[in-house]
Amino acid sequence: MKKLILASVSALALLGVAACSDSGTGGDGTTTQSTNPPAAEQPMQPAPDATKPAEPAPAEPAAPAQ
C-alpha cells in the first residue's frame, strides 16, 4: 500500500513538472493575426418576399406503364 501511494505522489509530481516547465528558447515563435475581408465584397441581398406563397410546380403527365 505504501508503494502505491508513493507511486501516485511521484506520478502527480512528474505531471506537475511537465505541465509547468518552460522550454526556454524553444518553440516556433509564430503569432496569429486576423484577416481582413476583400475590399470588393458585395453587401448581402435582401431575402425574397416571404409573404407570397410559393407557386406549385406544374403537374407532369404520368409516364405510360411498360
PDB file of N, CA and C in Angstrom:
ATOM      1  N   MET A   1       0.819  -1.188   0.000  1.00  0.00           N
ATOM      2  CA  MET A   1       0.000   0.000   0.000  1.00  0.00           C
ATOM      3  C   MET A   1       0.867   1.257   0.000  1.00  0.00           C
ATOM      4  N   LYS A   2       1.965   1.178   0.742  1.00  0.00           N
ATOM      5  CA  LYS A   2       2.867   2.318   0.825  1.00  0.00           C
ATOM      6  C   LYS A   2       3.488   2.607  -0.537  1.00  0.00           C
ATOM      7  N   LYS A   3       3.795   1.550  -1.301  1.00  0.00           N
ATOM      8  CA  LYS A   3       4.388   1.726  -2.633  1.00  0.00           C
ATOM      9  C   LYS A   3       3.388   2.370  -3.596  1.00  0.00           C
ATOM     10  N   LEU A   4       2.110   2.022  -3.478  1.00  0.00           N
ATOM     11  CA  LEU A   4       1.081   2.585  -4.346  1.00  0.00           C
ATOM     12  C   LEU A   4       0.924   4.085  -4.097  1.00  0.00           C
ATOM     13  N   ILE A   5       0.924   4.482  -2.847  1.00  0.00           N
ATOM     14  CA  ILE A   5       0.813   5.899  -2.503  1.00  0.00           C
ATOM     15  C   ILE A   5       2.038   6.651  -3.000  1.00  0.00           C
ATOM     16  N   LEU A   6       3.222   6.090  -2.813  1.00  0.00           N
ATOM     17  CA  LEU A   6       4.453   6.732  -3.267  1.00  0.00           C
ATOM     18  C   LEU A   6       4.471   6.866  -4.789  1.00  0.00           C
ATOM     19  N   ALA A   7       3.992   5.856  -5.493  1.00  0.00           N
ATOM     20  CA  ALA A   7       3.943   5.910  -6.953  1.00  0.00           C
ATOM     21  C   ALA A   7       2.954   6.969  -7.425  1.00  0.00           C
ATOM     22  N   SER A   8       1.825   7.087  -6.751  1.00  0.00           N
ATOM     23  CA  SER A   8       0.831   8.093  -7.120  1.00  0.00           C
ATOM     24  C   SER A   8       1.370   9.503  -6.903  1.00  0.00           C
ATOM     25  N   VAL A   9       2.008   9.729  -5.776  1.00  0.00           N
ATOM     26  CA  VAL A   9       2.574  11.046  -5.484  1.00  0.00           C
ATOM     27  C   VAL A   9       3.673  11.380  -6.483  1.00  0.00           C
ATOM     28  N   SER A  10       4.482  10.410  -6.819  1.00  0.00           N
ATOM     29  CA  SER A  10       5.558  10.637  -7.777  1.00  0.00           C
ATOM     30  C   SER A  10       4.997  10.955  -9.165  1.00  0.00           C
ATOM     31  N   ALA A  11       3.942  10.254  -9.566  1.00  0.00           N
ATOM     32  CA  ALA A  11       3.334  10.496 -10.874  1.00  0.00           C
ATOM     33  C   ALA A  11       2.726  11.896 -10.931  1.00  0.00           C
ATOM     34  N   LEU A  12       2.041  12.305  -9.873  1.00  0.00           N
ATOM     35  CA  LEU A  12       1.473  13.649  -9.841  1.00  0.00           C
ATOM     36  C   LEU A  12       2.556  14.721  -9.874  1.00  0.00           C
ATOM     37  N   ALA A  13       3.644  14.508  -9.175  1.00  0.00           N
ATOM     38  CA  ALA A  13       4.744  15.475  -9.175  1.00  0.00           C
ATOM     39  C   ALA A  13       5.371  15.566 -10.557  1.00  0.00           C
ATOM     40  N   LEU A  14       5.539  14.442 -11.226  1.00  0.00           N
ATOM     41  CA  LEU A  14       6.119  14.438 -12.562  1.00  0.00           C
ATOM     42  C   LEU A  14       5.210  15.149 -13.554  1.00  0.00           C
ATOM     43  N   LEU A  15       3.896  14.912 -13.465  1.00  0.00           N
ATOM     44  CA  LEU A  15       2.960  15.603 -14.344  1.00  0.00           C
ATOM     45  C   LEU A  15       2.952  17.103 -14.066  1.00  0.00           C
ATOM     46  N   GLY A  16       3.062  17.490 -12.804  1.00  0.00           N
ATOM     47  CA  GLY A  16       3.105  18.901 -12.452  1.00  0.00           C
ATOM     48  C   GLY A  16       4.325  19.588 -13.015  1.00  0.00           C
ATOM     49  N   VAL A  17       5.465  18.924 -12.948  1.00  0.00           N
ATOM     50  CA  VAL A  17       6.693  19.497 -13.505  1.00  0.00           C
ATOM     51  C   VAL A  17       6.588  19.586 -15.018  1.00  0.00           C
ATOM     52  N   ALA A  18       6.032  18.577 -15.656  1.00  0.00           N
ATOM     53  CA  ALA A  18       5.918  18.583 -17.114  1.00  0.00           C
ATOM     54  C   ALA A  18       4.951  19.665 -17.584  1.00  0.00           C
ATOM     55  N   ALA A  19       3.885  19.900 -16.831  1.00  0.00           N
ATOM     56  CA  ALA A  19       2.899  20.902 -17.239  1.00  0.00           C
ATOM     57  C   ALA A  19       3.421  22.315 -17.022  1.00  0.00           C
ATOM     58  N   CYS A  20       4.255  22.524 -16.030  1.00  0.00           N
ATOM     59  CA  CYS A  20       4.720  23.869 -15.699  1.00  0.00           C
ATOM     60  C   CYS A  20       6.091  24.193 -16.251  1.00  0.00           C
ATOM     61  N   SER A  21       6.736  23.248 -16.904  1.00  0.00           N
ATOM     62  CA  SER A  21       8.092  23.517 -17.372  1.00  0.00           C
ATOM     63  C   SER A  21       8.078  24.509 -18.519  1.00  0.00           C
ATOM     64  N   ASP A  22       9.100  25.334 -18.577  1.00  0.00           N
ATOM     65  CA  ASP A  22       9.247  26.318 -19.648  1.00  0.00           C
ATOM     66  C   ASP A  22      10.338  25.803 -20.570  1.00  0.00           C
ATOM     67  N   SER A  23      10.039  25.769 -21.855  1.00  0.00           N
ATOM     68  CA  SER A  23      11.013  25.217 -22.794  1.00  0.00           C
ATOM     69  C   SER A  23      12.103  26.215 -23.152  1.00  0.00           C
ATOM     70  N   GLY A  24      12.086  27.405 -22.580  1.00  0.00           N
ATOM     71  CA  GLY A  24      13.148  28.373 -22.819  1.00  0.00           C
ATOM     72  C   GLY A  24      13.051  28.981 -24.200  1.00  0.00           C
ATOM     73  N   THR A  25      14.124  28.826 -24.985  1.00  0.00           N
ATOM     74  CA  THR A  25      14.161  29.446 -26.309  1.00  0.00           C
ATOM     75  C   THR A  25      13.526  28.557 -27.362  1.00  0.00           C
ATOM     76  N   GLY A  26      13.030  27.402 -27.006  1.00  0.00           N
ATOM     77  CA  GLY A  26      12.410  26.514 -27.981  1.00  0.00           C
ATOM     78  C   GLY A  26      11.083  27.060 -28.456  1.00  0.00           C
ATOM     79  N   GLY A  27      10.494  26.409 -29.414  1.00  0.00           N
ATOM     80  CA  GLY A  27       9.224  26.851 -29.964  1.00  0.00           C
ATOM     81  C   GLY A  27       9.433  27.495 -31.317  1.00  0.00           C
ATOM     82  N   ASP A  28       8.365  27.708 -32.014  1.00  0.00           N
ATOM     83  CA  ASP A  28       8.500  28.226 -33.369  1.00  0.00           C
ATOM     84  C   ASP A  28       8.399  29.738 -33.442  1.00  0.00           C
ATOM     85  N   GLY A  29       7.918  30.404 -32.409  1.00  0.00           N
ATOM     86  CA  GLY A  29       7.875  31.857 -32.394  1.00  0.00           C
ATOM     87  C   GLY A  29       6.846  32.463 -33.331  1.00  0.00           C
ATOM     88  N   THR A  30       5.876  31.694 -33.799  1.00  0.00           N
ATOM     89  CA  THR A  30       4.881  32.244 -34.704  1.00  0.00           C
ATOM     90  C   THR A  30       3.767  32.909 -33.915  1.00  0.00           C
ATOM     91  N   THR A  31       3.090  33.852 -34.557  1.00  0.00           N
ATOM     92  CA  THR A  31       1.944  34.514 -33.943  1.00  0.00           C
ATOM     93  C   THR A  31       0.763  34.412 -34.881  1.00  0.00           C
ATOM     94  N   THR A  32      -0.403  34.688 -34.364  1.00  0.00           N
ATOM     95  CA  THR A  32      -1.601  34.658 -35.197  1.00  0.00           C
ATOM     96  C   THR A  32      -2.076  36.077 -35.423  1.00  0.00           C
ATOM     97  N   GLN A  33      -2.731  36.299 -36.527  1.00  0.00           N
ATOM     98  CA  GLN A  33      -3.329  37.598 -36.791  1.00  0.00           C
ATOM     99  C   GLN A  33      -4.607  37.393 -37.582  1.00  0.00           C
ATOM    100  N   SER A  34      -5.510  38.358 -37.460  1.00  0.00           N
ATOM    101  CA  SER A  34      -6.777  38.236 -38.166  1.00  0.00           C
ATOM    102  C   SER A  34      -6.599  38.628 -39.624  1.00  0.00           C
ATOM    103  N   THR A  35      -7.530  38.207 -40.444  1.00  0.00           N
ATOM    104  CA  THR A  35      -7.502  38.565 -41.855  1.00  0.00           C
ATOM    105  C   THR A  35      -8.607  39.564 -42.135  1.00  0.00           C
ATOM    106  N   ASN A  36      -8.390  40.421 -43.099  1.00  0.00           N
ATOM    107  CA  ASN A  36      -9.386  41.414 -43.482  1.00  0.00           C
ATOM    108  C   ASN A  36     -10.172  40.898 -44.677  1.00  0.00           C
ATOM    109  N   PRO A  37     -11.485  41.178 -44.737  1.00  0.00           N
ATOM    110  CA  PRO A  37     -12.273  40.726 -45.891  1.00  0.00           C
ATOM    111  C   PRO A  37     -11.858  41.492 -47.139  1.00  0.00           C
ATOM    112  N   PRO A  38     -12.089  40.933 -48.320  1.00  0.00           N
ATOM    113  CA  PRO A  38     -11.730  41.637 -49.549  1.00  0.00           C
ATOM    114  C   PRO A  38     -12.488  42.965 -49.654  1.00  0.00           C
ATOM    115  N   ALA A  39     -11.850  43.955 -50.262  1.00  0.00           N
ATOM    116  CA  ALA A  39     -12.446  45.279 -50.354  1.00  0.00           C
ATOM    117  C   ALA A  39     -13.655  45.286 -51.288  1.00  0.00           C
ATOM    118  N   ALA A  40     -13.680  44.404 -52.290  1.00  0.00           N
ATOM    119  CA  ALA A  40     -14.747  44.392 -53.284  1.00  0.00           C
ATOM    120  C   ALA A  40     -15.915  43.495 -52.873  1.00  0.00           C
ATOM    121  N   GLU A  41     -16.034  43.166 -51.596  1.00  0.00           N
ATOM    122  CA  GLU A  41     -17.104  42.265 -51.154  1.00  0.00           C
ATOM    123  C   GLU A  41     -18.457  42.949 -51.321  1.00  0.00           C
ATOM    124  N   GLN A  42     -19.409  42.262 -51.920  1.00  0.00           N
ATOM    125  CA  GLN A  42     -20.738  42.804 -52.165  1.00  0.00           C
ATOM    126  C   GLN A  42     -21.588  42.665 -50.907  1.00  0.00           C
ATOM    127  N   PRO A  43     -22.445  43.646 -50.625  1.00  0.00           N
ATOM    128  CA  PRO A  43     -23.326  43.513 -49.460  1.00  0.00           C
ATOM    129  C   PRO A  43     -24.375  42.429 -49.708  1.00  0.00           C
ATOM    130  N   MET A  44     -24.913  41.900 -48.639  1.00  0.00           N
ATOM    131  CA  MET A  44     -25.910  40.836 -48.765  1.00  0.00           C
ATOM    132  C   MET A  44     -27.191  41.391 -49.381  1.00  0.00           C
ATOM    133  N   GLN A  45     -27.815  40.615 -50.246  1.00  0.00           N
ATOM    134  CA  GLN A  45     -29.071  40.997 -50.868  1.00  0.00           C
ATOM    135  C   GLN A  45     -30.216  40.628 -49.935  1.00  0.00           C
ATOM    136  N   PRO A  46     -31.278  41.424 -49.906  1.00  0.00           N
ATOM    137  CA  PRO A  46     -32.404  41.067 -49.030  1.00  0.00           C
ATOM    138  C   PRO A  46     -33.080  39.792 -49.518  1.00  0.00           C
ATOM    139  N   ALA A  47     -33.691  39.099 -48.600  1.00  0.00           N
ATOM    140  CA  ALA A  47     -34.383  37.859 -48.934  1.00  0.00           C
ATOM    141  C   ALA A  47     -35.599  38.170 -49.802  1.00  0.00           C
ATOM    142  N   PRO A  48     -36.001  37.242 -50.675  1.00  0.00           N
ATOM    143  CA  PRO A  48     -37.211  37.479 -51.466  1.00  0.00           C
ATOM    144  C   PRO A  48     -38.430  37.610 -50.546  1.00  0.00           C
ATOM    145  N   ASP A  49     -39.488  38.208 -51.059  1.00  0.00           N
ATOM    146  CA  ASP A  49     -40.681  38.451 -50.254  1.00  0.00           C
ATOM    147  C   ASP A  49     -41.239  37.130 -49.722  1.00  0.00           C
ATOM    148  N   ALA A  50     -41.214  36.987 -48.417  1.00  0.00           N
ATOM    149  CA  ALA A  50     -41.640  35.730 -47.804  1.00  0.00           C
ATOM    150  C   ALA A  50     -43.147  35.692 -47.583  1.00  0.00           C
ATOM    151  N   THR A  51     -43.832  36.788 -47.833  1.00  0.00           N
ATOM    152  CA  THR A  51     -45.273  36.786 -47.595  1.00  0.00           C
ATOM    153  C   THR A  51     -46.036  36.139 -48.738  1.00  0.00           C
ATOM    154  N   LYS A  52     -45.436  36.062 -49.932  1.00  0.00           N
ATOM    155  CA  LYS A  52     -46.110  35.411 -51.060  1.00  0.00           C
ATOM    156  C   LYS A  52     -45.986  33.904 -50.921  1.00  0.00           C
ATOM    157  N   PRO A  53     -47.064  33.150 -51.100  1.00  0.00           N
ATOM    158  CA  PRO A  53     -46.923  31.683 -51.074  1.00  0.00           C
ATOM    159  C   PRO A  53     -46.219  31.219 -52.345  1.00  0.00           C
ATOM    160  N   ALA A  54     -45.484  30.152 -52.225  1.00  0.00           N
ATOM    161  CA  ALA A  54     -44.783  29.600 -53.377  1.00  0.00           C
ATOM    162  C   ALA A  54     -45.788  29.019 -54.360  1.00  0.00           C
ATOM    163  N   GLU A  55     -45.475  29.156 -55.644  1.00  0.00           N
ATOM    164  CA  GLU A  55     -46.357  28.595 -56.669  1.00  0.00           C
ATOM    165  C   GLU A  55     -46.094  27.095 -56.785  1.00  0.00           C
ATOM    166  N   PRO A  56     -47.142  26.291 -56.917  1.00  0.00           N
ATOM    167  CA  PRO A  56     -46.922  24.845 -57.039  1.00  0.00           C
ATOM    168  C   PRO A  56     -46.264  24.526 -58.383  1.00  0.00           C
ATOM    169  N   ALA A  57     -45.517  23.457 -58.414  1.00  0.00           N
ATOM    170  CA  ALA A  57     -44.867  23.022 -59.646  1.00  0.00           C
ATOM    171  C   ALA A  57     -45.932  22.522 -60.618  1.00  0.00           C
ATOM    172  N   PRO A  58     -45.712  22.750 -61.910  1.00  0.00           N
ATOM    173  CA  PRO A  58     -46.706  22.256 -62.886  1.00  0.00           C
ATOM    174  C   PRO A  58     -46.756  20.739 -62.864  1.00  0.00           C
ATOM    175  N   ALA A  59     -47.965  20.209 -62.998  1.00  0.00           N
ATOM    176  CA  ALA A  59     -48.146  18.751 -62.984  1.00  0.00           C
ATOM    177  C   ALA A  59     -47.671  18.166 -64.288  1.00  0.00           C
ATOM    178  N   GLU A  60     -46.870  17.117 -64.201  1.00  0.00           N
ATOM    179  CA  GLU A  60     -46.390  16.428 -65.404  1.00  0.00           C
ATOM    180  C   GLU A  60     -47.235  15.194 -65.636  1.00  0.00           C
ATOM    181  N   PRO A  61     -47.512  14.875 -66.886  1.00  0.00           N
ATOM    182  CA  PRO A  61     -48.286  13.658 -67.152  1.00  0.00           C
ATOM    183  C   PRO A  61     -47.498  12.412 -66.716  1.00  0.00           C
ATOM    184  N   ALA A  62     -48.223  11.440 -66.229  1.00  0.00           N
ATOM    185  CA  ALA A  62     -47.585  10.198 -65.781  1.00  0.00           C
ATOM    186  C   ALA A  62     -47.022   9.440 -66.975  1.00  0.00           C
ATOM    187  N   ALA A  63     -45.893   8.788 -66.807  1.00  0.00           N
ATOM    188  CA  ALA A  63     -45.295   8.007 -67.881  1.00  0.00           C
ATOM    189  C   ALA A  63     -46.127   6.739 -68.093  1.00  0.00           C
ATOM    190  N   PRO A  64     -46.282   6.341 -69.329  1.00  0.00           N
ATOM    191  CA  PRO A  64     -47.059   5.113 -69.574  1.00  0.00           C
ATOM    192  C   PRO A  64     -46.344   3.873 -69.018  1.00  0.00           C
ATOM    193  N   ALA A  65     -47.100   2.933 -68.497  1.00  0.00           N
ATOM    194  CA  ALA A  65     -46.547   1.706 -67.965  1.00  0.00           C
ATOM    195  C   ALA A  65     -46.043   0.826 -69.096  1.00  0.00           C
ATOM    196  N   GLN A  66     -44.943   0.212 -68.875  1.00  0.00           N
ATOM    197  CA  GLN A  66     -44.346  -0.643 -69.920  1.00  0.00           C
ATOM    198  C   GLN A  66     -44.512  -2.097 -69.588  1.00  0.00           C
TER     199      GLN A  66
END
